[in-house]
């Protein structure tokens, strides 16, 4: 029998680590997880200012509407062409400086 009834040092440091990281974990879940969950509900719902507190669940209908819209595809094409060009431009600027 050991002279003390304390848990081993590794158990204490692990427990202290969990206690120290818990507030940050809860904060991140609240600040990132909650808005993400709300966005998912809104993406799958028909939401207006009149029914924002009680949105009507619509499923993937919103996504089907967007995917059929030619303006969406035009904007997507522009974005997919612009992003690599801008990234390459930024990389070349950093190499010069």
PDB file of N, CA and C in Angstrom:
ATOM      1  N   UNK A   1       0.842  -1.184   0.000  1.00  0.00           N
ATOM      2  CA  UNK A   1       0.000   0.000   0.000  1.00  0.00           C
ATOM      3  C   UNK A   1       0.881   1.239   0.000  1.00  0.00           C
ATOM      4  N   UNK A   2       0.470   2.205  -0.800  1.00  0.00           N
ATOM      5  CA  UNK A   2       1.205   3.459  -0.876  1.00  0.00           C
ATOM      6  C   UNK A   2       0.916   4.299   0.346  1.00  0.00           C
ATOM      7  N   UNK A   3       1.782   5.262   0.594  1.00  0.00           N
ATOM      8  CA  UNK A   3       1.617   6.137   1.735  1.00  0.00           C
ATOM      9  C   UNK A   3       0.472   7.131   1.563  1.00  0.00           C
ATOM     10  N   UNK A   4      -0.033   7.325   0.339  1.00  0.00           N
ATOM     11  CA  UNK A   4      -1.127   8.274   0.106  1.00  0.00           C
ATOM     12  C   UNK A   4      -2.242   7.582  -0.649  1.00  0.00           C
ATOM     13  N   UNK A   5      -3.411   8.163  -0.580  1.00  0.00           N
ATOM     14  CA  UNK A   5      -4.561   7.634  -1.313  1.00  0.00           C
ATOM     15  C   UNK A   5      -4.869   8.473  -2.546  1.00  0.00           C
ATOM     16  N   UNK A   6      -3.901   9.238  -3.040  1.00  0.00           N
ATOM     17  CA  UNK A   6      -4.100  10.098  -4.206  1.00  0.00           C
ATOM     18  C   UNK A   6      -3.992   9.277  -5.486  1.00  0.00           C
ATOM     19  N   UNK A   7      -4.747   9.660  -6.509  1.00  0.00           N
ATOM     20  CA  UNK A   7      -4.609   8.959  -7.792  1.00  0.00           C
ATOM     21  C   UNK A   7      -3.252   9.259  -8.420  1.00  0.00           C
ATOM     22  N   UNK A   8      -2.813   8.413  -9.335  1.00  0.00           N
ATOM     23  CA  UNK A   8      -1.520   8.644  -9.989  1.00  0.00           C
ATOM     24  C   UNK A   8      -1.491   9.983 -10.718  1.00  0.00           C
ATOM     25  N   UNK A   9      -0.280  10.493 -10.938  1.00  0.00           N
ATOM     26  CA  UNK A   9      -0.094  11.820 -11.547  1.00  0.00           C
ATOM     27  C   UNK A   9      -0.734  11.915 -12.928  1.00  0.00           C
ATOM     28  N   UNK A  10      -0.655  10.880 -13.750  1.00  0.00           N
ATOM     29  CA  UNK A  10      -1.218  10.914 -15.097  1.00  0.00           C
ATOM     30  C   UNK A  10      -2.720  11.123 -15.091  1.00  0.00           C
ATOM     31  N   UNK A  11      -3.408  10.519 -14.139  1.00  0.00           N
ATOM     32  CA  UNK A  11      -4.865  10.667 -14.042  1.00  0.00           C
ATOM     33  C   UNK A  11      -5.217  12.100 -13.678  1.00  0.00           C
ATOM     34  N   UNK A  12      -4.471  12.691 -12.748  1.00  0.00           N
ATOM     35  CA  UNK A  12      -4.734  14.077 -12.346  1.00  0.00           C
ATOM     36  C   UNK A  12      -4.500  15.045 -13.493  1.00  0.00           C
ATOM     37  N   UNK A  13      -3.406  14.880 -14.221  1.00  0.00           N
ATOM     38  CA  UNK A  13      -3.130  15.824 -15.303  1.00  0.00           C
ATOM     39  C   UNK A  13      -4.157  15.672 -16.424  1.00  0.00           C
ATOM     40  N   UNK A  14      -4.621  14.455 -16.693  1.00  0.00           N
ATOM     41  CA  UNK A  14      -5.648  14.251 -17.707  1.00  0.00           C
ATOM     42  C   UNK A  14      -6.956  14.909 -17.268  1.00  0.00           C
ATOM     43  N   UNK A  15      -7.314  14.733 -16.012  1.00  0.00           N
ATOM     44  CA  UNK A  15      -8.534  15.341 -15.486  1.00  0.00           C
ATOM     45  C   UNK A  15      -8.430  16.858 -15.508  1.00  0.00           C
ATOM     46  N   UNK A  16      -7.283  17.395 -15.113  1.00  0.00           N
ATOM     47  CA  UNK A  16      -7.083  18.845 -15.153  1.00  0.00           C
ATOM     48  C   UNK A  16      -7.175  19.365 -16.580  1.00  0.00           C
ATOM     49  N   UNK A  17      -6.634  18.618 -17.529  1.00  0.00           N
ATOM     50  CA  UNK A  17      -6.719  19.024 -18.925  1.00  0.00           C
ATOM     51  C   UNK A  17      -8.159  19.094 -19.402  1.00  0.00           C
ATOM     52  N   UNK A  18      -8.961  18.101 -19.037  1.00  0.00           N
ATOM     53  CA  UNK A  18     -10.377  18.108 -19.423  1.00  0.00           C
ATOM     54  C   UNK A  18     -11.119  19.276 -18.787  1.00  0.00           C
ATOM     55  N   UNK A  19     -10.801  19.565 -17.540  1.00  0.00           N
ATOM     56  CA  UNK A  19     -11.450  20.690 -16.862  1.00  0.00           C
ATOM     57  C   UNK A  19     -11.071  22.002 -17.539  1.00  0.00           C
ATOM     58  N   UNK A  20      -9.834  22.128 -17.954  1.00  0.00           N
ATOM     59  CA  UNK A  20      -9.384  23.369 -18.579  1.00  0.00           C
ATOM     60  C   UNK A  20      -9.932  23.552 -19.992  1.00  0.00           C
ATOM     61  N   UNK A  21     -10.125  22.465 -20.717  1.00  0.00           N
ATOM     62  CA  UNK A  21     -10.578  22.589 -22.100  1.00  0.00           C
ATOM     63  C   UNK A  21     -12.107  22.614 -22.212  1.00  0.00           C
ATOM     64  N   UNK A  22     -12.815  22.235 -21.179  1.00  0.00           N
ATOM     65  CA  UNK A  22     -14.285  22.189 -21.226  1.00  0.00           C
ATOM     66  C   UNK A  22     -14.935  23.530 -21.550  1.00  0.00           C
ATOM     67  N   UNK A  23     -14.542  24.648 -20.937  1.00  0.00           N
ATOM     68  CA  UNK A  23     -15.191  25.920 -21.285  1.00  0.00           C
ATOM     69  C   UNK A  23     -15.030  26.283 -22.759  1.00  0.00           C
ATOM     70  N   UNK A  24     -13.845  26.078 -23.312  1.00  0.00           N
ATOM     71  CA  UNK A  24     -13.630  26.377 -24.728  1.00  0.00           C
ATOM     72  C   UNK A  24     -14.477  25.466 -25.606  1.00  0.00           C
ATOM     73  N   UNK A  25     -14.561  24.202 -25.251  1.00  0.00           N
ATOM     74  CA  UNK A  25     -15.369  23.262 -26.027  1.00  0.00           C
ATOM     75  C   UNK A  25     -16.830  23.670 -26.015  1.00  0.00           C
ATOM     76  N   UNK A  26     -17.353  24.018 -24.862  1.00  0.00           N
ATOM     77  CA  UNK A  26     -18.747  24.454 -24.771  1.00  0.00           C
ATOM     78  C   UNK A  26     -18.970  25.747 -25.549  1.00  0.00           C
ATOM     79  N   UNK A  27     -18.029  26.669 -25.470  1.00  0.00           N
ATOM     80  CA  UNK A  27     -18.132  27.924 -26.211  1.00  0.00           C
ATOM     81  C   UNK A  27     -18.164  27.665 -27.710  1.00  0.00           C
ATOM     82  N   UNK A  28     -17.255  26.826 -28.203  1.00  0.00           N
ATOM     83  CA  UNK A  28     -17.212  26.537 -29.638  1.00  0.00           C
ATOM     84  C   UNK A  28     -18.470  25.814 -30.104  1.00  0.00           C
ATOM     85  N   UNK A  29     -18.971  24.896 -29.304  1.00  0.00           N
ATOM     86  CA  UNK A  29     -20.221  24.223 -29.666  1.00  0.00           C
ATOM     87  C   UNK A  29     -21.366  25.218 -29.761  1.00  0.00           C
ATOM     88  N   UNK A  30     -21.413  26.153 -28.834  1.00  0.00           N
ATOM     89  CA  UNK A  30     -22.490  27.148 -28.852  1.00  0.00           C
ATOM     90  C   UNK A  30     -22.336  28.117 -30.017  1.00  0.00           C
ATOM     91  N   UNK A  31     -21.117  28.578 -30.268  1.00  0.00           N
ATOM     92  CA  UNK A  31     -20.899  29.605 -31.292  1.00  0.00           C
ATOM     93  C   UNK A  31     -20.839  29.048 -32.713  1.00  0.00           C
ATOM     94  N   UNK A  32     -20.457  27.792 -32.875  1.00  0.00           N
ATOM     95  CA  UNK A  32     -20.359  27.199 -34.210  1.00  0.00           C
ATOM     96  C   UNK A  32     -21.441  26.154 -34.458  1.00  0.00           C
ATOM     97  N   UNK A  33     -21.702  25.327 -33.479  1.00  0.00           N
ATOM     98  CA  UNK A  33     -22.656  24.235 -33.660  1.00  0.00           C
ATOM     99  C   UNK A  33     -24.093  24.700 -33.755  1.00  0.00           C
ATOM    100  N   UNK A  34     -24.488  25.628 -32.915  1.00  0.00           N
ATOM    101  CA  UNK A  34     -25.874  26.107 -32.922  1.00  0.00           C
ATOM    102  C   UNK A  34     -26.216  26.834 -34.219  1.00  0.00           C
ATOM    103  N   UNK A  35     -25.408  27.784 -34.688  1.00  0.00           N
ATOM    104  CA  UNK A  35     -25.729  28.411 -35.977  1.00  0.00           C
ATOM    105  C   UNK A  35     -25.735  27.412 -37.135  1.00  0.00           C
ATOM    106  N   UNK A  36     -24.846  26.433 -37.099  1.00  0.00           N
ATOM    107  CA  UNK A  36     -24.828  25.417 -38.153  1.00  0.00           C
ATOM    108  C   UNK A  36     -26.132  24.627 -38.155  1.00  0.00           C
ATOM    109  N   UNK A  37     -26.597  24.222 -36.984  1.00  0.00           N
ATOM    110  CA  UNK A  37     -27.856  23.473 -36.891  1.00  0.00           C
ATOM    111  C   UNK A  37     -29.031  24.316 -37.383  1.00  0.00           C
ATOM    112  N   UNK A  38     -29.057  25.582 -37.026  1.00  0.00           N
ATOM    113  CA  UNK A  38     -30.129  26.472 -37.482  1.00  0.00           C
ATOM    114  C   UNK A  38     -30.081  26.622 -38.998  1.00  0.00           C
ATOM    115  N   UNK A  39     -28.880  26.746 -39.555  1.00  0.00           N
ATOM    116  CA  UNK A  39     -28.738  26.860 -41.013  1.00  0.00           C
ATOM    117  C   UNK A  39     -29.245  25.616 -41.726  1.00  0.00           C
ATOM    118  N   UNK A  40     -28.979  24.453 -41.171  1.00  0.00           N
ATOM    119  CA  UNK A  40     -29.470  23.210 -41.781  1.00  0.00           C
ATOM    120  C   UNK A  40     -30.991  23.188 -41.774  1.00  0.00           C
ATOM    121  N   UNK A  41     -31.603  23.575 -40.657  1.00  0.00           N
ATOM    122  CA  UNK A  41     -33.069  23.613 -40.578  1.00  0.00           C
ATOM    123  C   UNK A  41     -33.624  24.601 -41.596  1.00  0.00           C
ATOM    124  N   UNK A  42     -33.032  25.785 -41.686  1.00  0.00           N
ATOM    125  CA  UNK A  42     -33.512  26.783 -42.645  1.00  0.00           C
ATOM    126  C   UNK A  42     -33.299  26.333 -44.086  1.00  0.00           C
ATOM    127  N   UNK A  43     -32.198  25.635 -44.360  1.00  0.00           N
ATOM    128  CA  UNK A  43     -31.933  25.170 -45.722  1.00  0.00           C
ATOM    129  C   UNK A  43     -32.964  24.142 -46.168  1.00  0.00           C
ATOM    130  N   UNK A  44     -33.480  23.385 -45.235  1.00  0.00           N
ATOM    131  CA  UNK A  44     -34.456  22.342 -45.558  1.00  0.00           C
ATOM    132  C   UNK A  44     -35.889  22.809 -45.348  1.00  0.00           C
ATOM    133  N   UNK A  45     -36.095  24.108 -45.165  1.00  0.00           N
ATOM    134  CA  UNK A  45     -37.419  24.642 -44.845  1.00  0.00           C
ATOM    135  C   UNK A  45     -37.799  25.767 -45.790  1.00  0.00           C
ATOM    136  N   UNK A  46     -39.081  26.045 -45.794  1.00  0.00           N
ATOM    137  CA  UNK A  46     -39.582  27.242 -46.481  1.00  0.00           C
ATOM    138  C   UNK A  46     -39.724  28.306 -45.398  1.00  0.00           C
ATOM    139  N   UNK A  47     -38.850  29.310 -45.443  1.00  0.00           N
ATOM    140  CA  UNK A  47     -38.793  30.317 -44.384  1.00  0.00           C
ATOM    141  C   UNK A  47     -39.084  31.689 -44.978  1.00  0.00           C
ATOM    142  N   UNK A  48     -40.001  32.395 -44.335  1.00  0.00           N
ATOM    143  CA  UNK A  48     -40.272  33.792 -44.655  1.00  0.00           C
ATOM    144  C   UNK A  48     -40.228  34.564 -43.343  1.00  0.00           C
ATOM    145  N   UNK A  49     -40.335  35.876 -43.432  1.00  0.00           N
ATOM    146  CA  UNK A  49     -40.340  36.665 -42.201  1.00  0.00           C
ATOM    147  C   UNK A  49     -41.583  36.381 -41.366  1.00  0.00           C
ATOM    148  N   UNK A  50     -42.651  35.957 -42.007  1.00  0.00           N
ATOM    149  CA  UNK A  50     -43.880  35.663 -41.259  1.00  0.00           C
ATOM    150  C   UNK A  50     -43.768  34.361 -40.464  1.00  0.00           C
ATOM    151  N   UNK A  51     -43.060  33.362 -40.999  1.00  0.00           N
ATOM    152  CA  UNK A  51     -43.014  32.063 -40.317  1.00  0.00           C
ATOM    153  C   UNK A  51     -41.609  31.707 -39.833  1.00  0.00           C
ATOM    154  N   UNK A  52     -40.775  32.692 -39.591  1.00  0.00           N
ATOM    155  CA  UNK A  52     -39.378  32.414 -39.237  1.00  0.00           C
ATOM    156  C   UNK A  52     -39.258  31.638 -37.923  1.00  0.00           C
ATOM    157  N   UNK A  53     -40.195  31.811 -37.022  1.00  0.00           N
ATOM    158  CA  UNK A  53     -40.148  31.071 -35.754  1.00  0.00           C
ATOM    159  C   UNK A  53     -40.675  29.646 -35.892  1.00  0.00           C
ATOM    160  N   UNK A  54     -41.475  29.389 -36.909  1.00  0.00           N
ATOM    161  CA  UNK A  54     -42.030  28.055 -37.145  1.00  0.00           C
ATOM    162  C   UNK A  54     -41.929  27.730 -38.633  1.00  0.00           C
ATOM    163  N   UNK A  55     -40.707  27.473 -39.130  1.00  0.00           N
ATOM    164  CA  UNK A  55     -40.550  27.219 -40.562  1.00  0.00           C
ATOM    165  C   UNK A  55     -41.225  25.917 -40.984  1.00  0.00           C
ATOM    166  N   UNK A  56     -41.676  25.889 -42.229  1.00  0.00           N
ATOM    167  CA  UNK A  56     -42.311  24.694 -42.786  1.00  0.00           C
ATOM    168  C   UNK A  56     -41.224  23.837 -43.429  1.00  0.00           C
ATOM    169  N   UNK A  57     -41.050  22.630 -42.921  1.00  0.00           N
ATOM    170  CA  UNK A  57     -40.025  21.742 -43.455  1.00  0.00           C
ATOM    171  C   UNK A  57     -40.408  21.350 -44.877  1.00  0.00           C
ATOM    172  N   UNK A  58     -39.473  21.533 -45.799  1.00  0.00           N
ATOM    173  CA  UNK A  58     -39.733  21.304 -47.214  1.00  0.00           C
ATOM    174  C   UNK A  58     -38.845  20.201 -47.773  1.00  0.00           C
ATOM    175  N   UNK A  59     -37.843  19.784 -47.053  1.00  0.00           N
ATOM    176  CA  UNK A  59     -36.912  18.784 -47.566  1.00  0.00           C
ATOM    177  C   UNK A  59     -35.892  19.421 -48.492  1.00  0.00           C
ATOM    178  N   UNK A  60     -35.509  18.683 -49.518  1.00  0.00           N
ATOM    179  CA  UNK A  60     -34.472  19.156 -50.428  1.00  0.00           C
ATOM    180  C   UNK A  60     -35.032  19.958 -51.593  1.00  0.00           C
ATOM    181  N   UNK A  61     -36.275  20.394 -51.511  1.00  0.00           N
ATOM    182  CA  UNK A  61     -36.895  21.183 -52.570  1.00  0.00           C
ATOM    183  C   UNK A  61     -36.168  22.478 -52.854  1.00  0.00           C
ATOM    184  N   UNK A  62     -35.667  23.136 -51.822  1.00  0.00           N
ATOM    185  CA  UNK A  62     -34.908  24.380 -52.022  1.00  0.00           C
ATOM    186  C   UNK A  62     -33.679  24.135 -52.891  1.00  0.00           C
ATOM    187  N   UNK A  63     -33.007  23.014 -52.650  1.00  0.00           N
ATOM    188  CA  UNK A  63     -31.810  22.702 -53.421  1.00  0.00           C
ATOM    189  C   UNK A  63     -32.162  22.384 -54.870  1.00  0.00           C
ATOM    190  N   UNK A  64     -33.280  21.704 -55.088  1.00  0.00           N
ATOM    191  CA  UNK A  64     -33.714  21.388 -56.455  1.00  0.00           C
ATOM    192  C   UNK A  64     -34.000  22.669 -57.235  1.00  0.00           C
ATOM    193  N   UNK A  65     -34.630  23.638 -56.583  1.00  0.00           N
ATOM    194  CA  UNK A  65     -34.929  24.919 -57.242  1.00  0.00           C
ATOM    195  C   UNK A  65     -33.632  25.613 -57.646  1.00  0.00           C
ATOM    196  N   UNK A  66     -32.676  25.643 -56.754  1.00  0.00           N
ATOM    197  CA  UNK A  66     -31.403  26.316 -57.041  1.00  0.00           C
ATOM    198  C   UNK A  66     -30.657  25.599 -58.161  1.00  0.00           C
ATOM    199  N   UNK A  67     -30.633  24.278 -58.131  1.00  0.00           N
ATOM    200  CA  UNK A  67     -29.884  23.532 -59.142  1.00  0.00           C
ATOM    201  C   UNK A  67     -30.497  23.650 -60.530  1.00  0.00           C
ATOM    202  N   UNK A  68     -31.771  24.005 -60.622  1.00  0.00           N
ATOM    203  CA  UNK A  68     -32.420  24.207 -61.924  1.00  0.00           C
ATOM    204  C   UNK A  68     -32.281  25.646 -62.424  1.00  0.00           C
ATOM    205  N   UNK A  69     -31.787  26.535 -61.605  1.00  0.00           N
ATOM    206  CA  UNK A  69     -31.700  27.954 -61.959  1.00  0.00           C
ATOM    207  C   UNK A  69     -30.442  28.225 -62.793  1.00  0.00           C
ATOM    208  N   UNK A  70     -30.596  28.721 -64.035  1.00  0.00           N
ATOM    209  CA  UNK A  70     -29.411  28.996 -64.858  1.00  0.00           C
ATOM    210  C   UNK A  70     -28.515  30.091 -64.277  1.00  0.00           C
ATOM    211  N   UNK A  71     -29.074  31.021 -63.527  1.00  0.00           N
ATOM    212  CA  UNK A  71     -28.250  32.063 -62.894  1.00  0.00           C
ATOM    213  C   UNK A  71     -27.290  31.465 -61.871  1.00  0.00           C
ATOM    214  N   UNK A  72     -27.743  30.440 -61.170  1.00  0.00           N
ATOM    215  CA  UNK A  72     -26.872  29.766 -60.202  1.00  0.00           C
ATOM    216  C   UNK A  72     -25.666  29.170 -60.920  1.00  0.00           C
ATOM    217  N   UNK A  73     -25.913  28.483 -62.030  1.00  0.00           N
ATOM    218  CA  UNK A  73     -24.819  27.836 -62.752  1.00  0.00           C
ATOM    219  C   UNK A  73     -23.875  28.859 -63.373  1.00  0.00           C
ATOM    220  N   UNK A  74     -24.406  29.988 -63.796  1.00  0.00           N
ATOM    221  CA  UNK A  74     -23.551  31.050 -64.333  1.00  0.00           C
ATOM    222  C   UNK A  74     -22.636  31.589 -63.223  1.00  0.00           C
ATOM    223  N   UNK A  75     -23.209  31.832 -62.057  1.00  0.00           N
ATOM    224  CA  UNK A  75     -22.417  32.324 -60.921  1.00  0.00           C
ATOM    225  C   UNK A  75     -21.408  31.273 -60.466  1.00  0.00           C
ATOM    226  N   UNK A  76     -21.813  30.007 -60.468  1.00  0.00           N
ATOM    227  CA  UNK A  76     -20.907  28.927 -60.066  1.00  0.00           C
ATOM    228  C   UNK A  76     -19.724  28.839 -61.030  1.00  0.00           C
ATOM    229  N   UNK A  77     -20.006  28.931 -62.326  1.00  0.00           N
ATOM    230  CA  UNK A  77     -18.929  28.884 -63.312  1.00  0.00           C
ATOM    231  C   UNK A  77     -17.954  30.036 -63.143  1.00  0.00           C
ATOM    232  N   UNK A  78     -18.475  31.225 -62.923  1.00  0.00           N
ATOM    233  CA  UNK A  78     -17.614  32.387 -62.709  1.00  0.00           C
ATOM    234  C   UNK A  78     -16.752  32.196 -61.463  1.00  0.00           C
ATOM    235  N   UNK A  79     -17.357  31.707 -60.394  1.00  0.00           N
ATOM    236  CA  UNK A  79     -16.613  31.491 -59.142  1.00  0.00           C
ATOM    237  C   UNK A  79     -15.522  30.445 -59.325  1.00  0.00           C
ATOM    238  N   UNK A  80     -15.847  29.360 -60.032  1.00  0.00           N
ATOM    239  CA  UNK A  80     -14.866  28.293 -60.222  1.00  0.00           C
ATOM    240  C   UNK A  80     -13.716  28.722 -61.133  1.00  0.00           C
ATOM    241  N   UNK A  81     -13.954  29.667 -62.010  1.00  0.00           N
ATOM    242  CA  UNK A  81     -12.863  30.200 -62.838  1.00  0.00           C
ATOM    243  C   UNK A  81     -12.070  31.259 -62.076  1.00  0.00           C
ATOM    244  N   UNK A  82     -12.746  32.075 -61.295  1.00  0.00           N
ATOM    245  CA  UNK A  82     -12.100  33.185 -60.608  1.00  0.00           C
ATOM    246  C   UNK A  82     -11.210  32.708 -59.458  1.00  0.00           C
ATOM    247  N   UNK A  83     -11.676  31.739 -58.680  1.00  0.00           N
ATOM    248  CA  UNK A  83     -10.952  31.318 -57.476  1.00  0.00           C
ATOM    249  C   UNK A  83      -9.537  30.820 -57.779  1.00  0.00           C
ATOM    250  N   UNK A  84      -9.336  29.910 -58.730  1.00  0.00           N
ATOM    251  CA  UNK A  84      -7.953  29.476 -58.998  1.00  0.00           C
ATOM    252  C   UNK A  84      -7.071  30.603 -59.540  1.00  0.00           C
ATOM    253  N   UNK A  85      -7.647  31.467 -60.370  1.00  0.00           N
ATOM    254  CA  UNK A  85      -6.854  32.578 -60.902  1.00  0.00           C
ATOM    255  C   UNK A  85      -6.430  33.528 -59.793  1.00  0.00           C
ATOM    256  N   UNK A  86      -7.333  33.823 -58.883  1.00  0.00           N
ATOM    257  CA  UNK A  86      -7.011  34.726 -57.775  1.00  0.00           C
ATOM    258  C   UNK A  86      -5.993  34.086 -56.838  1.00  0.00           C
ATOM    259  N   UNK A  87      -6.141  32.794 -56.589  1.00  0.00           N
ATOM    260  CA  UNK A  87      -5.185  32.096 -55.724  1.00  0.00           C
ATOM    261  C   UNK A  87      -3.793  32.109 -56.336  1.00  0.00           C
ATOM    262  N   UNK A  88      -3.713  31.843 -57.635  1.00  0.00           N
ATOM    263  CA  UNK A  88      -2.415  31.868 -58.312  1.00  0.00           C
ATOM    264  C   UNK A  88      -1.814  33.270 -58.266  1.00  0.00           C
ATOM    265  N   UNK A  89      -2.647  34.275 -58.437  1.00  0.00           N
ATOM    266  CA  UNK A  89      -2.181  35.657 -58.377  1.00  0.00           C
ATOM    267  C   UNK A  89      -1.606  35.979 -57.000  1.00  0.00           C
ATOM    268  N   UNK A  90      -2.288  35.555 -55.952  1.00  0.00           N
ATOM    269  CA  UNK A  90      -1.808  35.819 -54.588  1.00  0.00           C
ATOM    270  C   UNK A  90      -0.496  35.082 -54.312  1.00  0.00           C
ATOM    271  N   UNK A  91      -0.394  33.851 -54.803  1.00  0.00           N
ATOM    272  CA  UNK A  91       0.841  33.089 -54.587  1.00  0.00           C
ATOM    273  C   UNK A  91       2.017  33.756 -55.282  1.00  0.00           C
ATOM    274  N   UNK A  92       1.800  34.234 -56.501  1.00  0.00           N
ATOM    275  CA  UNK A  92       2.900  34.880 -57.224  1.00  0.00           C
ATOM    276  C   UNK A  92       3.279  36.211 -56.570  1.00  0.00           C
ATOM    277  N   UNK A  93       2.320  36.925 -55.984  1.00  0.00           N
ATOM    278  CA  UNK A  93       2.632  38.176 -55.285  1.00  0.00           C
ATOM    279  C   UNK A  93       3.477  37.908 -54.051  1.00  0.00           C
ATOM    280  N   UNK A  94       3.210  36.835 -53.346  1.00  0.00           N
ATOM    281  CA  UNK A  94       3.974  36.517 -52.132  1.00  0.00           C
ATOM    282  C   UNK A  94       5.402  36.121 -52.469  1.00  0.00           C
ATOM    283  N   UNK A  95       5.597  35.449 -53.592  1.00  0.00           N
ATOM    284  CA  UNK A  95       6.947  35.032 -53.969  1.00  0.00           C
ATOM    285  C   UNK A  95       7.823  36.230 -54.314  1.00  0.00           C
ATOM    286  N   UNK A  96       7.228  37.261 -54.880  1.00  0.00           N
ATOM    287  CA  UNK A  96       7.996  38.448 -55.268  1.00  0.00           C
ATOM    288  C   UNK A  96       8.423  39.269 -54.058  1.00  0.00           C
ATOM    289  N   UNK A  97       7.625  39.247 -52.994  1.00  0.00           N
ATOM    290  CA  UNK A  97       7.952  40.111 -51.851  1.00  0.00           C
ATOM    291  C   UNK A  97       8.817  39.440 -50.821  1.00  0.00           C
TER     292      UNK A  97
END
